Amino acid sequence: MTQNKRTRPTYSQEFKEQAVAKYLE
């Protein structure tokens, strides 16, 4: 899921990942 983060973390991707993480929390 955080595979794109090590390449080119885009704002949208980061925001989406954070939202997902918050949801899973």
PDB file of N, CA and C in Angstrom:
ATOM      1  N   MET A   1       0.829  -1.202   0.000  1.00  0.00           N
ATOM      2  CA  MET A   1       0.000   0.000   0.000  1.00  0.00           C
ATOM      3  C   MET A   1       0.870   1.262   0.000  1.00  0.00           C
ATOM      4  N   THR A   2       1.934   1.181   0.781  1.00  0.00           N
ATOM      5  CA  THR A   2       2.848   2.327   0.841  1.00  0.00           C
ATOM      6  C   THR A   2       3.993   2.140  -0.146  1.00  0.00           C
ATOM      7  N   GLN A   3       3.710   1.430  -1.215  1.00  0.00           N
ATOM      8  CA  GLN A   3       4.752   1.146  -2.206  1.00  0.00           C
ATOM      9  C   GLN A   3       5.090   2.410  -2.994  1.00  0.00           C
ATOM     10  N   ASN A   4       4.074   3.214  -3.278  1.00  0.00           N
ATOM     11  CA  ASN A   4       4.296   4.442  -4.034  1.00  0.00           C
ATOM     12  C   ASN A   4       5.027   5.490  -3.210  1.00  0.00           C
ATOM     13  N   LYS A   5       4.941   5.327  -1.890  1.00  0.00           N
ATOM     14  CA  LYS A   5       5.551   6.320  -1.018  1.00  0.00           C
ATOM     15  C   LYS A   5       7.066   6.394  -1.214  1.00  0.00           C
ATOM     16  N   ARG A   6       7.691   5.256  -1.446  1.00  0.00           N
ATOM     17  CA  ARG A   6       9.149   5.263  -1.592  1.00  0.00           C
ATOM     18  C   ARG A   6       9.556   5.750  -2.983  1.00  0.00           C
ATOM     19  N   THR A   7       8.634   5.791  -3.906  1.00  0.00           N
ATOM     20  CA  THR A   7       8.978   6.262  -5.250  1.00  0.00           C
ATOM     21  C   THR A   7       8.668   7.751  -5.386  1.00  0.00           C
ATOM     22  N   ARG A   8       7.403   8.077  -5.512  1.00  0.00           N
ATOM     23  CA  ARG A   8       7.033   9.482  -5.689  1.00  0.00           C
ATOM     24  C   ARG A   8       5.723   9.724  -4.960  1.00  0.00           C
ATOM     25  N   PRO A   9       5.778   9.989  -3.663  1.00  0.00           N
ATOM     26  CA  PRO A   9       4.591  10.222  -2.847  1.00  0.00           C
ATOM     27  C   PRO A   9       3.890  11.522  -3.233  1.00  0.00           C
ATOM     28  N   THR A  10       2.751  11.379  -3.866  1.00  0.00           N
ATOM     29  CA  THR A  10       2.009  12.561  -4.278  1.00  0.00           C
ATOM     30  C   THR A  10       1.098  13.026  -3.146  1.00  0.00           C
ATOM     31  N   TYR A  11       0.687  14.253  -3.210  1.00  0.00           N
ATOM     32  CA  TYR A  11      -0.170  14.802  -2.151  1.00  0.00           C
ATOM     33  C   TYR A  11      -1.446  13.970  -2.014  1.00  0.00           C
ATOM     34  N   SER A  12      -2.041  13.664  -3.141  1.00  0.00           N
ATOM     35  CA  SER A  12      -3.277  12.878  -3.135  1.00  0.00           C
ATOM     36  C   SER A  12      -3.028  11.510  -2.515  1.00  0.00           C
ATOM     37  N   GLN A  13      -1.944  10.893  -2.917  1.00  0.00           N
ATOM     38  CA  GLN A  13      -1.609   9.563  -2.405  1.00  0.00           C
ATOM     39  C   GLN A  13      -1.397   9.623  -0.896  1.00  0.00           C
ATOM     40  N   GLU A  14      -0.626  10.595  -0.461  1.00  0.00           N
ATOM     41  CA  GLU A  14      -0.359  10.730   0.977  1.00  0.00           C
ATOM     42  C   GLU A  14      -1.651  10.946   1.740  1.00  0.00           C
ATOM     43  N   PHE A  15      -2.477  11.831   1.238  1.00  0.00           N
ATOM     44  CA  PHE A  15      -3.744  12.124   1.901  1.00  0.00           C
ATOM     45  C   PHE A  15      -4.620  10.882   1.960  1.00  0.00           C
ATOM     46  N   LYS A  16      -4.662  10.168   0.852  1.00  0.00           N
ATOM     47  CA  LYS A  16      -5.466   8.948   0.783  1.00  0.00           C
ATOM     48  C   LYS A  16      -4.940   7.902   1.764  1.00  0.00           C
ATOM     49  N   GLU A  17      -3.634   7.747   1.783  1.00  0.00           N
ATOM     50  CA  GLU A  17      -3.033   6.765   2.697  1.00  0.00           C
ATOM     51  C   GLU A  17      -3.333   7.130   4.145  1.00  0.00           C
ATOM     52  N   GLN A  18      -3.214   8.411   4.458  1.00  0.00           N
ATOM     53  CA  GLN A  18      -3.482   8.855   5.826  1.00  0.00           C
ATOM     54  C   GLN A  18      -4.938   8.604   6.185  1.00  0.00           C
ATOM     55  N   ALA A  19      -5.822   8.884   5.261  1.00  0.00           N
ATOM     56  CA  ALA A  19      -7.246   8.671   5.503  1.00  0.00           C
ATOM     57  C   ALA A  19      -7.520   7.192   5.748  1.00  0.00           C
ATOM     58  N   VAL A  20      -6.904   6.352   4.944  1.00  0.00           N
ATOM     59  CA  VAL A  20      -7.086   4.900   5.084  1.00  0.00           C
ATOM     60  C   VAL A  20      -6.551   4.436   6.430  1.00  0.00           C
ATOM     61  N   ALA A  21      -5.389   4.945   6.786  1.00  0.00           N
ATOM     62  CA  ALA A  21      -4.776   4.557   8.060  1.00  0.00           C
ATOM     63  C   ALA A  21      -5.675   4.980   9.212  1.00  0.00           C
ATOM     64  N   LYS A  22      -6.237   6.153   9.110  1.00  0.00           N
ATOM     65  CA  LYS A  22      -7.132   6.640  10.166  1.00  0.00           C
ATOM     66  C   LYS A  22      -8.379   5.766  10.228  1.00  0.00           C
ATOM     67  N   TYR A  23      -8.844   5.373   9.065  1.00  0.00           N
ATOM     68  CA  TYR A  23     -10.042   4.535   9.003  1.00  0.00           C
ATOM     69  C   TYR A  23      -9.773   3.179   9.642  1.00  0.00           C
ATOM     70  N   LEU A  24      -8.612   2.624   9.302  1.00  0.00           N
ATOM     71  CA  LEU A  24      -8.253   1.305   9.841  1.00  0.00           C
ATOM     72  C   LEU A  24      -7.991   1.385  11.342  1.00  0.00           C
ATOM     73  N   GLU A  25      -7.538   2.561  11.784  1.00  0.00           N
ATOM     74  CA  GLU A  25      -7.257   2.716  13.205  1.00  0.00           C
ATOM     75  C   GLU A  25      -8.586   2.634  13.892  1.00  0.00           C
TER      76      GLU A  25
END
